[in-house]
Amino acid sequence: EANTIFHLHNTNAVLVSMLYPGDVFSVKHLQMVKGMSGFGWDDTLEIPIVENRATEDGISELILETLNKGFKADCILIRRHGLYTWGSSWKQAKIHAESLDWIFKVVLEMKKLGVES
């Protein structure tokens, strides 16, 4: 149940959405994956990526469509835009946002160094 939703224009999220051309960003075995509700060390965090549109109304149909696909992660990346993340409280949504920023930053650094994520 989402009682709080954050819409963020996070630079790291934008870059990750651009560097991973598919419709899902996946990562495993990074510490802060555990910061996402329902995920542990051995779980693969799969975050759907939807294409950006000119307005939030234009994006909303894509978001609804993606939510109906049953992804476990409480977040969606919007390519070249940012992300949405949510939680049962503002504290949980904040933990998700901070965890995602850390994950994205580490993955971007790994990519620069040629380390597979």
N, C-alpha and C. Protein backbone atom coordinates (compact mmCIF):
# COMPACT_ATOMS: atom_id res chain seq x y z
N GLU A 1 0.83 -1.18 0.00
CA GLU A 1 0.00 0.00 0.00
C GLU A 1 0.88 1.25 0.00
N ALA A 2 0.64 2.11 -0.96
CA ALA A 2 1.43 3.34 -1.08
C ALA A 2 0.67 4.50 -0.47
N ASN A 3 1.18 5.00 0.64
CA ASN A 3 0.61 6.19 1.26
C ASN A 3 1.39 7.45 0.91
N THR A 4 2.61 7.26 0.42
CA THR A 4 3.47 8.37 0.01
C THR A 4 4.15 8.03 -1.30
N ILE A 5 4.13 8.97 -2.23
CA ILE A 5 4.80 8.80 -3.52
C ILE A 5 5.73 9.98 -3.71
N PHE A 6 6.99 9.69 -4.05
CA PHE A 6 7.96 10.72 -4.38
C PHE A 6 8.19 10.71 -5.88
N HIS A 7 8.18 11.89 -6.47
CA HIS A 7 8.56 12.06 -7.88
C HIS A 7 9.85 12.85 -7.86
N LEU A 8 10.94 12.22 -8.32
CA LEU A 8 12.26 12.83 -8.20
C LEU A 8 12.90 13.04 -9.57
N HIS A 9 13.59 14.16 -9.72
CA HIS A 9 14.36 14.45 -10.92
C HIS A 9 15.84 14.25 -10.59
N ASN A 10 16.15 13.04 -10.22
CA ASN A 10 17.47 12.66 -9.74
C ASN A 10 18.42 12.45 -10.91
N THR A 11 19.57 13.13 -10.89
CA THR A 11 20.54 13.03 -11.98
C THR A 11 21.00 11.60 -12.21
N ASN A 12 21.30 10.87 -11.15
CA ASN A 12 21.76 9.49 -11.29
C ASN A 12 20.69 8.60 -11.93
N ALA A 13 19.43 8.82 -11.57
CA ALA A 13 18.34 8.05 -12.17
C ALA A 13 18.22 8.35 -13.65
N VAL A 14 18.35 9.61 -14.02
CA VAL A 14 18.28 10.00 -15.44
C VAL A 14 19.41 9.30 -16.22
N LEU A 15 20.61 9.35 -15.68
CA LEU A 15 21.75 8.74 -16.37
C LEU A 15 21.58 7.22 -16.51
N VAL A 16 21.15 6.56 -15.45
CA VAL A 16 20.92 5.11 -15.52
C VAL A 16 19.86 4.80 -16.57
N SER A 17 18.80 5.58 -16.60
CA SER A 17 17.73 5.31 -17.58
C SER A 17 18.23 5.47 -19.02
N MET A 18 19.24 6.29 -19.21
CA MET A 18 19.79 6.51 -20.55
C MET A 18 20.83 5.44 -20.92
N LEU A 19 21.55 4.93 -19.94
CA LEU A 19 22.62 3.97 -20.20
C LEU A 19 22.11 2.53 -20.33
N TYR A 20 20.90 2.27 -19.89
CA TYR A 20 20.32 0.93 -19.98
C TYR A 20 19.14 1.01 -20.94
N PRO A 21 19.35 0.61 -22.20
CA PRO A 21 18.37 0.86 -23.25
C PRO A 21 17.09 0.03 -23.19
N GLY A 22 17.06 -1.04 -22.43
CA GLY A 22 15.87 -1.89 -22.37
C GLY A 22 14.76 -1.27 -21.54
N ASP A 23 13.78 -2.09 -21.21
CA ASP A 23 12.65 -1.58 -20.42
C ASP A 23 12.74 -2.00 -18.95
N VAL A 24 13.90 -2.57 -18.54
CA VAL A 24 14.12 -2.95 -17.15
C VAL A 24 15.58 -2.72 -16.79
N PHE A 25 15.80 -2.10 -15.64
CA PHE A 25 17.13 -1.98 -15.06
C PHE A 25 17.22 -3.02 -13.94
N SER A 26 18.25 -3.88 -13.97
CA SER A 26 18.40 -4.94 -12.98
C SER A 26 19.74 -4.81 -12.27
N VAL A 27 19.74 -5.11 -10.97
CA VAL A 27 20.97 -5.09 -10.19
C VAL A 27 20.83 -6.08 -9.04
N LYS A 28 21.97 -6.66 -8.67
CA LYS A 28 21.99 -7.65 -7.60
C LYS A 28 23.31 -7.51 -6.84
N HIS A 29 23.30 -7.92 -5.61
CA HIS A 29 24.50 -7.96 -4.76
C HIS A 29 25.13 -6.59 -4.54
N LEU A 30 24.29 -5.59 -4.36
CA LEU A 30 24.74 -4.30 -3.84
C LEU A 30 23.99 -4.08 -2.52
N GLN A 31 24.69 -3.58 -1.53
CA GLN A 31 24.15 -3.48 -0.18
C GLN A 31 22.80 -2.79 -0.11
N MET A 32 22.64 -1.68 -0.81
CA MET A 32 21.41 -0.89 -0.64
C MET A 32 20.20 -1.46 -1.37
N VAL A 33 20.37 -2.57 -2.08
CA VAL A 33 19.19 -3.27 -2.61
C VAL A 33 18.30 -3.64 -1.43
N LYS A 34 18.92 -3.91 -0.28
CA LYS A 34 18.16 -4.25 0.93
C LYS A 34 17.35 -3.07 1.46
N GLY A 35 17.63 -1.88 0.97
CA GLY A 35 16.86 -0.71 1.38
C GLY A 35 15.49 -0.63 0.70
N MET A 36 15.29 -1.47 -0.29
CA MET A 36 14.00 -1.52 -0.99
C MET A 36 13.12 -2.57 -0.32
N SER A 37 11.90 -2.22 -0.02
CA SER A 37 10.99 -3.12 0.69
C SER A 37 10.87 -4.47 0.00
N GLY A 38 11.08 -5.52 0.78
CA GLY A 38 10.90 -6.87 0.27
C GLY A 38 12.11 -7.45 -0.45
N PHE A 39 13.24 -6.75 -0.44
CA PHE A 39 14.43 -7.22 -1.14
C PHE A 39 15.55 -7.51 -0.15
N GLY A 40 16.31 -8.56 -0.45
CA GLY A 40 17.48 -8.92 0.35
C GLY A 40 18.71 -9.00 -0.52
N TRP A 41 19.81 -9.38 0.08
CA TRP A 41 21.10 -9.43 -0.58
C TRP A 41 21.08 -10.27 -1.85
N ASP A 42 20.45 -11.43 -1.82
CA ASP A 42 20.47 -12.34 -2.96
C ASP A 42 19.38 -12.08 -3.99
N ASP A 43 18.54 -11.09 -3.74
CA ASP A 43 17.46 -10.77 -4.67
C ASP A 43 17.96 -9.86 -5.80
N THR A 44 17.34 -10.01 -6.96
CA THR A 44 17.60 -9.11 -8.08
C THR A 44 16.55 -8.01 -8.06
N LEU A 45 17.01 -6.80 -7.95
CA LEU A 45 16.11 -5.64 -8.01
C LEU A 45 15.89 -5.31 -9.48
N GLU A 46 14.66 -5.46 -9.93
CA GLU A 46 14.29 -5.13 -11.30
C GLU A 46 13.39 -3.90 -11.27
N ILE A 47 13.87 -2.85 -11.91
CA ILE A 47 13.13 -1.59 -11.95
C ILE A 47 12.67 -1.34 -13.38
N PRO A 48 11.36 -1.23 -13.57
CA PRO A 48 10.89 -0.95 -14.93
C PRO A 48 11.28 0.46 -15.37
N ILE A 49 11.52 0.59 -16.68
CA ILE A 49 11.83 1.89 -17.28
C ILE A 49 10.75 2.18 -18.31
N VAL A 50 10.10 3.33 -18.18
CA VAL A 50 9.13 3.75 -19.19
C VAL A 50 9.67 4.98 -19.90
N GLU A 51 9.24 5.15 -21.13
CA GLU A 51 9.69 6.29 -21.92
C GLU A 51 9.03 7.57 -21.42
N ASN A 52 9.74 8.65 -21.51
CA ASN A 52 9.23 9.95 -21.10
C ASN A 52 8.21 10.47 -22.12
N ARG A 53 7.34 11.31 -21.67
CA ARG A 53 6.38 12.02 -22.50
C ARG A 53 6.45 13.51 -22.14
N ALA A 54 5.79 14.33 -22.90
CA ALA A 54 5.85 15.78 -22.70
C ALA A 54 5.21 16.22 -21.38
N THR A 55 4.25 15.45 -20.86
CA THR A 55 3.56 15.82 -19.62
C THR A 55 3.42 14.60 -18.72
N GLU A 56 3.17 14.85 -17.43
CA GLU A 56 2.93 13.75 -16.49
C GLU A 56 1.67 12.98 -16.90
N ASP A 57 0.67 13.69 -17.42
CA ASP A 57 -0.55 13.00 -17.90
C ASP A 57 -0.19 11.99 -18.99
N GLY A 58 0.72 12.37 -19.85
CA GLY A 58 1.15 11.48 -20.92
C GLY A 58 1.90 10.26 -20.40
N ILE A 59 2.62 10.45 -19.30
CA ILE A 59 3.37 9.35 -18.70
C ILE A 59 2.45 8.42 -17.90
N SER A 60 1.36 8.95 -17.38
CA SER A 60 0.52 8.19 -16.45
C SER A 60 -0.01 6.89 -17.05
N GLU A 61 -0.36 6.89 -18.32
CA GLU A 61 -0.84 5.66 -18.95
C GLU A 61 0.25 4.60 -18.97
N LEU A 62 1.47 5.00 -19.28
CA LEU A 62 2.60 4.07 -19.30
C LEU A 62 2.89 3.53 -17.90
N ILE A 63 2.76 4.39 -16.91
CA ILE A 63 2.99 3.98 -15.52
C ILE A 63 1.94 2.96 -15.10
N LEU A 64 0.68 3.23 -15.38
CA LEU A 64 -0.39 2.30 -15.02
C LEU A 64 -0.19 0.95 -15.71
N GLU A 65 0.14 0.99 -16.97
CA GLU A 65 0.42 -0.23 -17.73
C GLU A 65 1.56 -1.03 -17.09
N THR A 66 2.60 -0.33 -16.68
CA THR A 66 3.77 -0.97 -16.08
C THR A 66 3.43 -1.52 -14.70
N LEU A 67 2.66 -0.78 -13.91
CA LEU A 67 2.27 -1.26 -12.58
C LEU A 67 1.48 -2.57 -12.69
N ASN A 68 0.71 -2.71 -13.73
CA ASN A 68 -0.09 -3.92 -13.92
C ASN A 68 0.74 -5.13 -14.33
N LYS A 69 2.02 -4.94 -14.61
CA LYS A 69 2.89 -6.06 -14.98
C LYS A 69 3.43 -6.80 -13.76
N GLY A 70 3.18 -6.27 -12.58
CA GLY A 70 3.52 -6.99 -11.35
C GLY A 70 4.97 -6.93 -10.91
N PHE A 71 5.68 -5.87 -11.22
CA PHE A 71 7.04 -5.72 -10.71
C PHE A 71 7.00 -5.61 -9.19
N LYS A 72 7.99 -6.19 -8.54
CA LYS A 72 8.05 -6.18 -7.07
C LYS A 72 8.57 -4.86 -6.50
N ALA A 73 9.43 -4.19 -7.26
CA ALA A 73 10.06 -2.95 -6.78
C ALA A 73 9.04 -1.82 -6.67
N ASP A 74 9.18 -1.03 -5.60
CA ASP A 74 8.30 0.11 -5.37
C ASP A 74 8.86 1.36 -6.03
N CYS A 75 9.12 1.24 -7.35
CA CYS A 75 9.68 2.38 -8.08
C CYS A 75 9.56 2.14 -9.59
N ILE A 76 9.60 3.24 -10.33
CA ILE A 76 9.61 3.21 -11.79
C ILE A 76 10.55 4.31 -12.26
N LEU A 77 11.45 3.97 -13.18
CA LEU A 77 12.31 4.96 -13.82
C LEU A 77 11.59 5.53 -15.04
N ILE A 78 11.70 6.84 -15.22
CA ILE A 78 11.18 7.51 -16.42
C ILE A 78 12.40 7.95 -17.21
N ARG A 79 12.57 7.38 -18.39
CA ARG A 79 13.78 7.64 -19.17
C ARG A 79 13.95 9.14 -19.45
N ARG A 80 15.18 9.62 -19.19
CA ARG A 80 15.56 11.02 -19.41
C ARG A 80 14.75 12.02 -18.57
N HIS A 81 14.19 11.54 -17.45
CA HIS A 81 13.31 12.38 -16.65
C HIS A 81 13.60 12.24 -15.16
N GLY A 82 13.56 11.02 -14.64
CA GLY A 82 13.73 10.80 -13.21
C GLY A 82 13.06 9.51 -12.78
N LEU A 83 12.42 9.55 -11.61
CA LEU A 83 11.76 8.35 -11.13
C LEU A 83 10.62 8.66 -10.19
N TYR A 84 9.79 7.65 -10.00
CA TYR A 84 8.78 7.64 -8.96
C TYR A 84 9.15 6.51 -8.01
N THR A 85 9.03 6.75 -6.72
CA THR A 85 9.15 5.69 -5.74
C THR A 85 8.12 5.94 -4.66
N TRP A 86 7.71 4.89 -3.97
CA TRP A 86 6.62 5.02 -3.01
C TRP A 86 6.84 4.09 -1.83
N GLY A 87 6.06 4.34 -0.79
CA GLY A 87 6.13 3.50 0.40
C GLY A 87 4.88 3.65 1.24
N SER A 88 4.81 2.83 2.28
CA SER A 88 3.65 2.87 3.17
C SER A 88 3.66 4.11 4.06
N SER A 89 4.82 4.78 4.13
CA SER A 89 4.94 6.03 4.89
C SER A 89 5.96 6.92 4.19
N TRP A 90 6.03 8.18 4.59
CA TRP A 90 7.03 9.06 3.98
C TRP A 90 8.43 8.60 4.33
N LYS A 91 8.60 8.00 5.52
CA LYS A 91 9.92 7.52 5.91
C LYS A 91 10.37 6.37 5.01
N GLN A 92 9.46 5.45 4.73
CA GLN A 92 9.81 4.33 3.86
C GLN A 92 10.10 4.81 2.44
N ALA A 93 9.29 5.73 1.93
CA ALA A 93 9.53 6.28 0.59
C ALA A 93 10.88 7.01 0.54
N LYS A 94 11.24 7.69 1.61
CA LYS A 94 12.53 8.38 1.68
C LYS A 94 13.68 7.37 1.68
N ILE A 95 13.53 6.29 2.42
CA ILE A 95 14.56 5.24 2.42
C ILE A 95 14.71 4.66 1.02
N HIS A 96 13.60 4.44 0.33
CA HIS A 96 13.66 3.95 -1.04
C HIS A 96 14.42 4.94 -1.93
N ALA A 97 14.08 6.22 -1.83
CA ALA A 97 14.73 7.24 -2.67
C ALA A 97 16.23 7.29 -2.41
N GLU A 98 16.63 7.25 -1.14
CA GLU A 98 18.05 7.30 -0.79
C GLU A 98 18.77 6.03 -1.24
N SER A 99 18.13 4.89 -1.08
CA SER A 99 18.72 3.62 -1.51
C SER A 99 18.92 3.60 -3.02
N LEU A 100 17.91 4.05 -3.75
CA LEU A 100 18.00 4.08 -5.21
C LEU A 100 19.10 5.01 -5.68
N ASP A 101 19.20 6.18 -5.07
CA ASP A 101 20.26 7.11 -5.47
C ASP A 101 21.63 6.47 -5.27
N TRP A 102 21.82 5.80 -4.14
CA TRP A 102 23.10 5.12 -3.86
C TRP A 102 23.36 4.03 -4.90
N ILE A 103 22.35 3.20 -5.17
CA ILE A 103 22.49 2.13 -6.16
C ILE A 103 22.86 2.70 -7.52
N PHE A 104 22.14 3.72 -7.96
CA PHE A 104 22.41 4.32 -9.27
C PHE A 104 23.82 4.91 -9.32
N LYS A 105 24.23 5.58 -8.26
CA LYS A 105 25.57 6.18 -8.23
C LYS A 105 26.64 5.10 -8.33
N VAL A 106 26.50 4.03 -7.56
CA VAL A 106 27.49 2.94 -7.59
C VAL A 106 27.52 2.29 -8.97
N VAL A 107 26.36 2.03 -9.55
CA VAL A 107 26.31 1.39 -10.88
C VAL A 107 26.96 2.29 -11.93
N LEU A 108 26.73 3.58 -11.86
CA LEU A 108 27.36 4.50 -12.82
C LEU A 108 28.88 4.49 -12.67
N GLU A 109 29.37 4.46 -11.43
CA GLU A 109 30.81 4.39 -11.20
C GLU A 109 31.38 3.06 -11.69
N MET A 110 30.64 1.98 -11.46
CA MET A 110 31.08 0.67 -11.94
C MET A 110 31.20 0.67 -13.46
N LYS A 111 30.21 1.29 -14.12
CA LYS A 111 30.22 1.36 -15.57
C LYS A 111 31.45 2.12 -16.07
N LYS A 112 31.78 3.24 -15.40
CA LYS A 112 32.96 4.03 -15.77
C LYS A 112 34.24 3.20 -15.66
N LEU A 113 34.29 2.33 -14.64
CA LEU A 113 35.48 1.52 -14.39
C LEU A 113 35.49 0.21 -15.17
N GLY A 114 34.40 -0.06 -15.91
CA GLY A 114 34.33 -1.28 -16.67
C GLY A 114 33.98 -2.51 -15.86
N VAL A 115 33.42 -2.30 -14.66
CA VAL A 115 33.01 -3.39 -13.79
C VAL A 115 31.55 -3.72 -14.09
N GLU A 116 31.24 -4.99 -14.26
CA GLU A 116 29.86 -5.38 -14.57
C GLU A 116 28.99 -5.24 -13.32
N SER A 117 27.75 -4.80 -13.55
CA SER A 117 26.84 -4.65 -12.41
C SER A 117 25.93 -5.81 -12.24
